[in-house]
Amino acid sequence: MDVFSEEILYHYKHPQCSAPLISPTYEATGENVSCGDMVSVTLSCDHDTVHDVGIVVSGCAISTAFGSLVALAVKGRTREEVLSWDDAHILSLVDGEVSPARKNCAFLAFRALRKALLK
């Protein structure tokens, strides 16, 4: 049984930036094939800076919460900076641990966002 931190539960129940953007600069989707969680990412960028993001997750608490946390983390950041982030950086967005079995859920939104920025 997973025990979620208050931060994970908050972002699961109140995801930030959870609506798709109308006219995105970049967009991509992702899927966790092991559980069926899905994500759609839309980004608005100007002069290589992320100004707005929409991350729509259909999935578990971890996928949804990390979608919200990633959305908040990328706003105002440069494309280059965001692309330099690794899995450890994504895990550092939340206090506490994510079990090894749930790490693919935690990385789902970021991997789709990365795919969008690499287009």
N, C-alpha and C. Protein backbone atom coordinates (compact mmCIF):
# COMPACT_ATOMS: atom_id res chain seq x y z
N MET A 1 0.84 -1.18 0.00
CA MET A 1 0.00 0.00 0.00
C MET A 1 0.89 1.25 0.00
N ASP A 2 0.55 2.20 -0.85
CA ASP A 2 1.28 3.45 -0.91
C ASP A 2 0.71 4.43 0.12
N VAL A 3 1.62 5.14 0.77
CA VAL A 3 1.23 6.21 1.67
C VAL A 3 1.76 7.50 1.05
N PHE A 4 0.85 8.42 0.73
CA PHE A 4 1.23 9.63 0.03
C PHE A 4 1.43 10.79 0.99
N SER A 5 2.38 11.65 0.68
CA SER A 5 2.61 12.85 1.48
C SER A 5 1.44 13.81 1.29
N GLU A 6 1.33 14.76 2.21
CA GLU A 6 0.29 15.78 2.11
C GLU A 6 0.43 16.57 0.81
N GLU A 7 1.67 16.81 0.40
CA GLU A 7 1.93 17.57 -0.83
C GLU A 7 1.40 16.81 -2.05
N ILE A 8 1.67 15.52 -2.11
CA ILE A 8 1.15 14.69 -3.22
C ILE A 8 -0.38 14.71 -3.21
N LEU A 9 -0.96 14.52 -2.05
CA LEU A 9 -2.43 14.51 -1.97
C LEU A 9 -3.02 15.85 -2.37
N TYR A 10 -2.39 16.95 -1.96
CA TYR A 10 -2.89 18.27 -2.33
C TYR A 10 -2.87 18.45 -3.85
N HIS A 11 -1.74 18.14 -4.49
CA HIS A 11 -1.64 18.33 -5.95
C HIS A 11 -2.50 17.33 -6.72
N TYR A 12 -2.78 16.19 -6.13
CA TYR A 12 -3.70 15.22 -6.75
C TYR A 12 -5.12 15.78 -6.71
N LYS A 13 -5.51 16.33 -5.58
CA LYS A 13 -6.88 16.84 -5.42
C LYS A 13 -7.07 18.21 -6.07
N HIS A 14 -5.98 18.99 -6.18
CA HIS A 14 -6.05 20.35 -6.72
C HIS A 14 -4.92 20.57 -7.74
N PRO A 15 -4.96 19.84 -8.85
CA PRO A 15 -3.85 19.99 -9.82
C PRO A 15 -3.80 21.38 -10.43
N GLN A 16 -2.61 21.92 -10.52
CA GLN A 16 -2.37 23.24 -11.09
C GLN A 16 -2.13 23.11 -12.60
N CYS A 17 -2.52 24.13 -13.34
CA CYS A 17 -2.25 24.18 -14.80
C CYS A 17 -2.79 22.92 -15.49
N SER A 18 -3.99 22.53 -15.11
CA SER A 18 -4.52 21.25 -15.59
C SER A 18 -5.50 21.36 -16.76
N ALA A 19 -5.47 22.48 -17.46
CA ALA A 19 -6.30 22.64 -18.66
C ALA A 19 -5.39 22.82 -19.87
N PRO A 20 -5.79 22.28 -21.01
CA PRO A 20 -4.95 22.45 -22.20
C PRO A 20 -4.94 23.90 -22.66
N LEU A 21 -3.82 24.34 -23.22
CA LEU A 21 -3.72 25.69 -23.77
C LEU A 21 -4.41 25.74 -25.13
N ILE A 22 -4.98 26.88 -25.47
CA ILE A 22 -5.72 27.04 -26.74
C ILE A 22 -4.78 27.06 -27.94
N SER A 23 -3.71 27.83 -27.89
CA SER A 23 -2.78 27.94 -29.02
C SER A 23 -1.35 27.66 -28.55
N PRO A 24 -1.03 26.40 -28.30
CA PRO A 24 0.29 26.08 -27.77
C PRO A 24 1.40 26.22 -28.81
N THR A 25 2.59 26.51 -28.32
CA THR A 25 3.79 26.52 -29.16
C THR A 25 4.27 25.08 -29.36
N TYR A 26 4.18 24.29 -28.31
CA TYR A 26 4.60 22.88 -28.33
C TYR A 26 3.51 22.04 -27.69
N GLU A 27 3.42 20.79 -28.12
CA GLU A 27 2.50 19.86 -27.49
C GLU A 27 2.97 18.42 -27.70
N ALA A 28 2.61 17.55 -26.76
CA ALA A 28 2.96 16.14 -26.85
C ALA A 28 2.08 15.36 -25.89
N THR A 29 2.05 14.07 -26.09
CA THR A 29 1.33 13.17 -25.19
C THR A 29 2.28 12.10 -24.69
N GLY A 30 1.86 11.44 -23.64
CA GLY A 30 2.64 10.34 -23.10
C GLY A 30 1.73 9.33 -22.44
N GLU A 31 2.23 8.11 -22.32
CA GLU A 31 1.46 7.05 -21.70
C GLU A 31 2.38 6.15 -20.91
N ASN A 32 1.92 5.74 -19.75
CA ASN A 32 2.62 4.75 -18.95
C ASN A 32 1.99 3.41 -19.32
N VAL A 33 2.67 2.66 -20.16
CA VAL A 33 2.09 1.43 -20.69
C VAL A 33 1.88 0.36 -19.61
N SER A 34 2.58 0.48 -18.49
CA SER A 34 2.42 -0.53 -17.44
C SER A 34 1.12 -0.38 -16.67
N CYS A 35 0.54 0.84 -16.66
CA CYS A 35 -0.70 1.02 -15.89
C CYS A 35 -1.81 1.73 -16.67
N GLY A 36 -1.47 2.34 -17.81
CA GLY A 36 -2.48 3.01 -18.62
C GLY A 36 -2.66 4.49 -18.35
N ASP A 37 -1.89 5.06 -17.41
CA ASP A 37 -1.97 6.50 -17.18
C ASP A 37 -1.60 7.24 -18.46
N MET A 38 -2.28 8.36 -18.71
CA MET A 38 -2.02 9.14 -19.92
C MET A 38 -1.87 10.61 -19.56
N VAL A 39 -1.09 11.33 -20.38
CA VAL A 39 -0.87 12.76 -20.14
C VAL A 39 -0.83 13.48 -21.48
N SER A 40 -1.34 14.70 -21.47
CA SER A 40 -1.26 15.58 -22.62
C SER A 40 -0.65 16.89 -22.12
N VAL A 41 0.41 17.34 -22.81
CA VAL A 41 1.14 18.54 -22.41
C VAL A 41 1.04 19.58 -23.52
N THR A 42 0.70 20.81 -23.15
CA THR A 42 0.72 21.94 -24.08
C THR A 42 1.54 23.05 -23.43
N LEU A 43 2.39 23.68 -24.25
CA LEU A 43 3.28 24.74 -23.75
C LEU A 43 3.19 25.97 -24.61
N SER A 44 3.26 27.12 -23.97
CA SER A 44 3.37 28.39 -24.67
C SER A 44 4.73 28.97 -24.34
N CYS A 45 5.56 29.13 -25.38
CA CYS A 45 6.93 29.64 -25.19
C CYS A 45 7.14 30.86 -26.08
N ASP A 46 7.95 31.78 -25.57
CA ASP A 46 8.31 32.98 -26.30
C ASP A 46 9.78 33.27 -26.00
N HIS A 47 10.57 33.46 -27.03
CA HIS A 47 11.99 33.71 -26.86
C HIS A 47 12.64 32.65 -25.98
N ASP A 48 12.27 31.40 -26.20
CA ASP A 48 12.87 30.26 -25.52
C ASP A 48 12.52 30.15 -24.03
N THR A 49 11.52 30.89 -23.58
CA THR A 49 11.08 30.83 -22.18
C THR A 49 9.66 30.27 -22.13
N VAL A 50 9.43 29.36 -21.20
CA VAL A 50 8.10 28.79 -21.01
C VAL A 50 7.25 29.81 -20.24
N HIS A 51 6.18 30.26 -20.88
CA HIS A 51 5.30 31.25 -20.23
C HIS A 51 4.06 30.62 -19.64
N ASP A 52 3.56 29.58 -20.28
CA ASP A 52 2.37 28.92 -19.76
C ASP A 52 2.43 27.45 -20.12
N VAL A 53 1.74 26.65 -19.34
CA VAL A 53 1.74 25.21 -19.55
C VAL A 53 0.40 24.64 -19.13
N GLY A 54 -0.03 23.64 -19.86
CA GLY A 54 -1.22 22.88 -19.49
C GLY A 54 -0.85 21.41 -19.49
N ILE A 55 -1.05 20.75 -18.38
CA ILE A 55 -0.75 19.32 -18.28
C ILE A 55 -2.01 18.61 -17.81
N VAL A 56 -2.60 17.85 -18.71
CA VAL A 56 -3.84 17.13 -18.43
C VAL A 56 -3.48 15.67 -18.22
N VAL A 57 -3.75 15.17 -17.01
CA VAL A 57 -3.39 13.79 -16.67
C VAL A 57 -4.66 12.99 -16.43
N SER A 58 -4.69 11.82 -16.99
CA SER A 58 -5.72 10.84 -16.68
C SER A 58 -4.99 9.66 -16.06
N GLY A 59 -4.95 9.66 -14.73
CA GLY A 59 -4.17 8.62 -14.09
C GLY A 59 -4.23 8.68 -12.58
N CYS A 60 -3.26 8.07 -11.98
CA CYS A 60 -3.20 7.90 -10.53
C CYS A 60 -2.78 9.18 -9.81
N ALA A 61 -2.76 9.11 -8.49
CA ALA A 61 -2.40 10.26 -7.66
C ALA A 61 -0.98 10.73 -7.95
N ILE A 62 -0.04 9.82 -8.13
CA ILE A 62 1.35 10.20 -8.37
C ILE A 62 1.48 10.90 -9.73
N SER A 63 0.90 10.33 -10.78
CA SER A 63 0.97 10.95 -12.10
C SER A 63 0.34 12.34 -12.10
N THR A 64 -0.81 12.47 -11.47
CA THR A 64 -1.52 13.74 -11.42
C THR A 64 -0.74 14.78 -10.61
N ALA A 65 -0.27 14.38 -9.44
CA ALA A 65 0.46 15.31 -8.58
C ALA A 65 1.75 15.78 -9.24
N PHE A 66 2.50 14.87 -9.84
CA PHE A 66 3.75 15.28 -10.47
C PHE A 66 3.48 16.10 -11.73
N GLY A 67 2.37 15.87 -12.42
CA GLY A 67 1.99 16.73 -13.53
C GLY A 67 1.81 18.16 -13.05
N SER A 68 1.15 18.33 -11.92
CA SER A 68 0.94 19.65 -11.33
C SER A 68 2.25 20.28 -10.89
N LEU A 69 3.09 19.51 -10.22
CA LEU A 69 4.38 20.02 -9.73
C LEU A 69 5.30 20.41 -10.87
N VAL A 70 5.34 19.60 -11.92
CA VAL A 70 6.17 19.91 -13.09
C VAL A 70 5.67 21.18 -13.76
N ALA A 71 4.36 21.31 -13.90
CA ALA A 71 3.79 22.51 -14.53
C ALA A 71 4.23 23.77 -13.79
N LEU A 72 4.16 23.74 -12.49
CA LEU A 72 4.57 24.91 -11.70
C LEU A 72 6.07 25.16 -11.81
N ALA A 73 6.84 24.09 -11.88
CA ALA A 73 8.30 24.21 -11.91
C ALA A 73 8.83 24.78 -13.22
N VAL A 74 8.15 24.54 -14.34
CA VAL A 74 8.69 24.97 -15.63
C VAL A 74 8.31 26.40 -16.01
N LYS A 75 7.29 26.94 -15.41
CA LYS A 75 6.87 28.31 -15.76
C LYS A 75 8.00 29.30 -15.49
N GLY A 76 8.31 30.10 -16.51
CA GLY A 76 9.35 31.11 -16.38
C GLY A 76 10.76 30.59 -16.62
N ARG A 77 10.90 29.31 -16.86
CA ARG A 77 12.22 28.69 -17.10
C ARG A 77 12.51 28.67 -18.59
N THR A 78 13.78 28.64 -18.92
CA THR A 78 14.15 28.54 -20.33
C THR A 78 14.03 27.09 -20.79
N ARG A 79 13.86 26.95 -22.08
CA ARG A 79 13.79 25.62 -22.69
C ARG A 79 15.05 24.84 -22.36
N GLU A 80 16.20 25.49 -22.49
CA GLU A 80 17.49 24.84 -22.22
C GLU A 80 17.58 24.35 -20.77
N GLU A 81 17.14 25.18 -19.84
CA GLU A 81 17.18 24.79 -18.43
C GLU A 81 16.30 23.57 -18.17
N VAL A 82 15.07 23.61 -18.68
CA VAL A 82 14.15 22.49 -18.46
C VAL A 82 14.70 21.21 -19.07
N LEU A 83 15.27 21.31 -20.26
CA LEU A 83 15.83 20.11 -20.91
C LEU A 83 17.05 19.56 -20.18
N SER A 84 17.66 20.36 -19.33
CA SER A 84 18.82 19.88 -18.57
C SER A 84 18.42 19.09 -17.32
N TRP A 85 17.14 19.16 -16.95
CA TRP A 85 16.69 18.45 -15.75
C TRP A 85 16.73 16.95 -15.97
N ASP A 86 17.02 16.21 -14.90
CA ASP A 86 17.03 14.75 -14.96
C ASP A 86 15.97 14.21 -14.00
N ASP A 87 15.89 12.89 -13.92
CA ASP A 87 14.89 12.26 -13.06
C ASP A 87 15.05 12.67 -11.59
N ALA A 88 16.29 12.80 -11.14
CA ALA A 88 16.52 13.21 -9.75
C ALA A 88 15.94 14.59 -9.48
N HIS A 89 16.06 15.48 -10.44
CA HIS A 89 15.49 16.82 -10.27
C HIS A 89 13.97 16.74 -10.13
N ILE A 90 13.36 15.92 -10.94
CA ILE A 90 11.89 15.78 -10.89
C ILE A 90 11.47 15.23 -9.53
N LEU A 91 12.17 14.23 -9.03
CA LEU A 91 11.84 13.67 -7.71
C LEU A 91 12.05 14.70 -6.60
N SER A 92 12.96 15.64 -6.80
CA SER A 92 13.23 16.64 -5.77
C SER A 92 12.12 17.69 -5.67
N LEU A 93 11.17 17.66 -6.59
CA LEU A 93 10.07 18.62 -6.55
C LEU A 93 9.12 18.37 -5.38
N VAL A 94 9.23 17.21 -4.77
CA VAL A 94 8.34 16.86 -3.66
C VAL A 94 9.17 16.36 -2.48
N ASP A 95 8.68 16.69 -1.29
CA ASP A 95 9.31 16.15 -0.09
C ASP A 95 8.89 14.70 0.05
N GLY A 96 9.80 13.86 0.48
CA GLY A 96 9.46 12.46 0.68
C GLY A 96 9.96 11.60 -0.45
N GLU A 97 9.63 10.35 -0.36
CA GLU A 97 10.10 9.35 -1.30
C GLU A 97 8.97 8.89 -2.22
N VAL A 98 9.37 8.47 -3.40
CA VAL A 98 8.45 7.81 -4.33
C VAL A 98 8.98 6.39 -4.48
N SER A 99 8.14 5.41 -4.27
CA SER A 99 8.59 4.02 -4.33
C SER A 99 9.07 3.69 -5.75
N PRO A 100 10.03 2.78 -5.86
CA PRO A 100 10.54 2.41 -7.19
C PRO A 100 9.44 1.98 -8.17
N ALA A 101 8.43 1.32 -7.67
CA ALA A 101 7.34 0.86 -8.53
C ALA A 101 6.51 2.02 -9.09
N ARG A 102 6.57 3.20 -8.46
CA ARG A 102 5.75 4.33 -8.88
C ARG A 102 6.54 5.43 -9.58
N LYS A 103 7.84 5.22 -9.79
CA LYS A 103 8.65 6.27 -10.40
C LYS A 103 8.24 6.57 -11.84
N ASN A 104 7.81 5.56 -12.59
CA ASN A 104 7.33 5.84 -13.95
C ASN A 104 6.13 6.78 -13.93
N CYS A 105 5.31 6.67 -12.90
CA CYS A 105 4.17 7.58 -12.75
C CYS A 105 4.67 9.00 -12.49
N ALA A 106 5.69 9.12 -11.65
CA ALA A 106 6.24 10.43 -11.31
C ALA A 106 6.88 11.10 -12.52
N PHE A 107 7.45 10.34 -13.41
CA PHE A 107 8.17 10.89 -14.56
C PHE A 107 7.30 11.10 -15.80
N LEU A 108 6.08 10.61 -15.79
CA LEU A 108 5.23 10.63 -16.99
C LEU A 108 5.05 12.03 -17.57
N ALA A 109 4.63 12.99 -16.78
CA ALA A 109 4.38 14.34 -17.30
C ALA A 109 5.66 15.00 -17.79
N PHE A 110 6.74 14.85 -17.04
CA PHE A 110 8.00 15.47 -17.45
C PHE A 110 8.51 14.87 -18.75
N ARG A 111 8.39 13.58 -18.92
CA ARG A 111 8.87 12.95 -20.16
C ARG A 111 8.07 13.43 -21.36
N ALA A 112 6.77 13.62 -21.19
CA ALA A 112 5.95 14.17 -22.29
C ALA A 112 6.31 15.62 -22.55
N LEU A 113 6.54 16.39 -21.50
CA LEU A 113 6.93 17.79 -21.65
C LEU A 113 8.27 17.89 -22.37
N ARG A 114 9.19 17.05 -21.99
CA ARG A 114 10.51 17.01 -22.64
C ARG A 114 10.37 16.69 -24.13
N LYS A 115 9.51 15.71 -24.43
CA LYS A 115 9.24 15.33 -25.82
C LYS A 115 8.69 16.52 -26.61
N ALA A 116 7.81 17.28 -25.98
CA ALA A 116 7.25 18.47 -26.64
C ALA A 116 8.33 19.49 -26.94
N LEU A 117 9.20 19.75 -25.97
CA LEU A 117 10.25 20.76 -26.15
C LEU A 117 11.32 20.33 -27.16
N LEU A 118 11.44 19.06 -27.41
CA LEU A 118 12.43 18.56 -28.37
C LEU A 118 11.92 18.52 -29.80
N LYS A 119 10.65 18.84 -30.00
CA LYS A 119 10.08 18.84 -31.35
C LYS A 119 10.61 19.99 -32.17
